[in-house]
Protein backbone atom coordinates (compact mmCIF):
# COMPACT_ATOMS: atom_id res chain seq x y z
CA MET A 1 0.00 0.00 0.00
CA MET A 2 1.23 3.50 -0.74
CA GLU A 3 0.20 6.93 0.51
CA VAL A 4 -1.14 9.35 -2.11
CA ILE A 5 -2.96 12.68 -2.07
CA PHE A 6 -6.60 12.45 -3.05
CA LYS A 7 -7.71 15.15 -5.51
CA LYS A 8 -11.21 14.33 -6.83
CA THR A 9 -13.55 11.58 -7.99
CA GLU A 10 -16.55 11.27 -10.25
CA GLY A 11 -17.87 8.42 -8.06
CA ASP A 12 -17.28 4.77 -7.25
CA TYR A 13 -15.80 2.82 -10.18
CA LEU A 14 -15.48 6.03 -12.21
CA GLU A 15 -12.55 8.36 -12.92
CA ALA A 16 -10.62 9.78 -9.98
CA VAL A 17 -7.45 11.86 -9.70
CA ILE A 18 -4.72 11.26 -7.13
CA GLU A 19 -1.30 12.85 -6.72
CA ILE A 20 1.91 10.86 -6.44
CA ASN A 21 5.21 12.73 -5.99
CA GLY A 22 3.68 15.93 -7.35
CA GLN A 23 2.24 14.22 -10.46
CA ASP A 24 -1.53 14.00 -11.02
CA ILE A 25 -2.57 10.46 -11.96
CA THR A 26 -6.00 9.50 -13.32
CA VAL A 27 -7.24 6.20 -11.86
CA MET A 28 -10.42 4.19 -11.49
CA ASP A 29 -12.05 4.90 -8.12
CA GLU A 30 -12.20 1.50 -6.44
CA PHE A 31 -11.32 2.96 -3.03
CA GLY A 32 -14.51 4.82 -2.07
CA GLY A 33 -13.33 8.30 -3.00
CA ASN A 34 -16.66 9.89 -2.03
CA LYS A 35 -15.64 9.60 1.63
CA TYR A 36 -12.49 11.73 1.11
CA SER A 37 -11.91 15.45 0.65
CA ALA A 38 -9.43 17.03 -1.76
CA GLY A 39 -5.99 17.09 -0.14
CA ASP A 40 -6.54 14.04 2.11
CA CYS A 41 -3.65 11.56 2.31
CA ILE A 42 -5.01 8.08 1.63
CA GLY A 43 -3.53 4.60 1.32
CA VAL A 44 -4.12 2.82 -1.99
CA GLU A 45 -2.84 -0.17 -3.94
CA LEU A 46 -2.29 0.47 -7.64
CA SER A 47 -2.25 -2.02 -10.51
CA VAL A 48 -1.87 -1.54 -14.23
CA GLY A 49 -4.54 -2.64 -16.69
CA LEU A 50 -6.42 -1.55 -19.75
CA ALA A 51 -9.89 -0.10 -19.52
CA TYR A 52 -12.40 -2.75 -20.58
CA GLU A 53 -9.59 -5.29 -20.88
CA ASP A 54 -11.93 -8.31 -20.59
CA GLU A 55 -14.32 -6.98 -23.22
CA GLU A 56 -11.50 -6.21 -25.65
CA GLN A 57 -10.06 -9.70 -25.29
CA ALA A 58 -13.48 -11.26 -25.87
CA THR A 59 -13.99 -9.17 -29.02
CA ASN A 60 -10.53 -10.06 -30.35
CA ASN A 61 -11.14 -13.77 -29.76
CA GLN A 62 -14.47 -13.61 -31.60
CA ASP A 63 -12.82 -11.86 -34.55
CA ARG A 64 -10.30 -14.70 -34.88
CA GLN A 65 -12.99 -17.37 -35.12
């Protein structure tokens, strides 16, 4: 888990902005951002993935068949 600065969210499972080392990062809000205020330090775990990764893989597999 790492500490980041919470900036804003559009709601659960929607776009949120956090700050890491002075850099704004856009993430998916899977941490309940509605309970935080801008400037709060929060602990999060980050992972890398593509938006709609499962759907894209399913579409690509169907195209190959």
